[in-house]
Amino acid sequence: METLVYLIPISLFLGGLGLVAFFWALRSRQFEDPDGDSQRFLSTDWDDHPKP
């Protein structure tokens, strides 16, 4: 029972850290074009100047 005193705050902290990382990824537009990324990955054409 004593270990729950330590494990519960640690798990809440790690969950909050994951949530902050997820919102940071959303704000920095990491998930903007997943379909285009999958098509570019499968393409055999090489682009020297990727899209910004």
C-alpha atoms as a PDB file:
ATOM      1  CA  MET A   1       0.000   0.000   0.000  1.00  0.00           C
ATOM      2  CA  GLU A   2       2.916   2.334   0.643  1.00  0.00           C
ATOM      3  CA  THR A   3       4.117   1.996  -2.941  1.00  0.00           C
ATOM      4  CA  LEU A   4       0.849   3.455  -4.231  1.00  0.00           C
ATOM      5  CA  VAL A   5       1.794   6.728  -2.559  1.00  0.00           C
ATOM      6  CA  TYR A   6       4.740   6.909  -4.964  1.00  0.00           C
ATOM      7  CA  LEU A   7       3.311   5.201  -8.037  1.00  0.00           C
ATOM      8  CA  ILE A   8       0.134   7.253  -8.394  1.00  0.00           C
ATOM      9  CA  PRO A   9       1.873  10.673  -8.550  1.00  0.00           C
ATOM     10  CA  ILE A  10       4.558   9.289 -10.863  1.00  0.00           C
ATOM     11  CA  SER A  11       1.941   7.863 -13.226  1.00  0.00           C
ATOM     12  CA  LEU A  12      -0.047  11.121 -13.182  1.00  0.00           C
ATOM     13  CA  PHE A  13       3.126  13.080 -13.926  1.00  0.00           C
ATOM     14  CA  LEU A  14       4.073  10.805 -16.835  1.00  0.00           C
ATOM     15  CA  GLY A  15       0.531  10.938 -18.223  1.00  0.00           C
ATOM     16  CA  GLY A  16       0.555  14.730 -18.030  1.00  0.00           C
ATOM     17  CA  LEU A  17       3.954  14.801 -19.701  1.00  0.00           C
ATOM     18  CA  GLY A  18       2.600  12.670 -22.555  1.00  0.00           C
ATOM     19  CA  LEU A  19      -0.413  14.957 -22.882  1.00  0.00           C
ATOM     20  CA  VAL A  20       1.816  18.035 -23.041  1.00  0.00           C
ATOM     21  CA  ALA A  21       3.973  16.356 -25.699  1.00  0.00           C
ATOM     22  CA  PHE A  22       0.865  15.506 -27.726  1.00  0.00           C
ATOM     23  CA  PHE A  23      -0.436  19.088 -27.602  1.00  0.00           C
ATOM     24  CA  TRP A  24       3.021  20.393 -28.505  1.00  0.00           C
ATOM     25  CA  ALA A  25       3.016  18.119 -31.569  1.00  0.00           C
ATOM     26  CA  LEU A  26      -0.432  19.403 -32.544  1.00  0.00           C
ATOM     27  CA  ARG A  27       0.623  23.047 -32.203  1.00  0.00           C
ATOM     28  CA  SER A  28       3.806  22.510 -34.213  1.00  0.00           C
ATOM     29  CA  ARG A  29       1.701  20.955 -37.020  1.00  0.00           C
ATOM     30  CA  GLN A  30       3.293  17.499 -36.904  1.00  0.00           C
ATOM     31  CA  PHE A  31       0.071  15.778 -38.044  1.00  0.00           C
ATOM     32  CA  GLU A  32      -0.875  18.140 -40.864  1.00  0.00           C
ATOM     33  CA  ASP A  33      -0.631  15.870 -43.937  1.00  0.00           C
ATOM     34  CA  PRO A  34      -0.377  12.146 -43.080  1.00  0.00           C
ATOM     35  CA  ASP A  35      -1.761  11.019 -46.465  1.00  0.00           C
ATOM     36  CA  GLY A  36       0.762  13.060 -48.408  1.00  0.00           C
ATOM     37  CA  ASP A  37       3.598  11.734 -46.271  1.00  0.00           C
ATOM     38  CA  SER A  38       2.575   8.149 -46.977  1.00  0.00           C
ATOM     39  CA  GLN A  39       2.463   8.821 -50.714  1.00  0.00           C
ATOM     40  CA  ARG A  40       5.869  10.532 -50.700  1.00  0.00           C
ATOM     41  CA  PHE A  41       7.349   7.602 -48.789  1.00  0.00           C
ATOM     42  CA  LEU A  42       6.220   5.132 -51.464  1.00  0.00           C
ATOM     43  CA  SER A  43       7.197   7.344 -54.395  1.00  0.00           C
ATOM     44  CA  THR A  44      10.317   6.572 -56.419  1.00  0.00           C
ATOM     45  CA  ASP A  45      10.799  10.224 -57.401  1.00  0.00           C
ATOM     46  CA  TRP A  46      13.482  12.112 -55.511  1.00  0.00           C
ATOM     47  CA  ASP A  47      12.743  15.715 -54.595  1.00  0.00           C
ATOM     48  CA  ASP A  48      15.809  17.877 -53.946  1.00  0.00           C
ATOM     49  CA  HIS A  49      13.676  20.698 -52.537  1.00  0.00           C
ATOM     50  CA  PRO A  50      10.992  19.349 -50.166  1.00  0.00           C
ATOM     51  CA  LYS A  51       7.890  21.385 -49.433  1.00  0.00           C
ATOM     52  CA  PRO A  52       8.145  23.701 -46.386  1.00  0.00           C
END
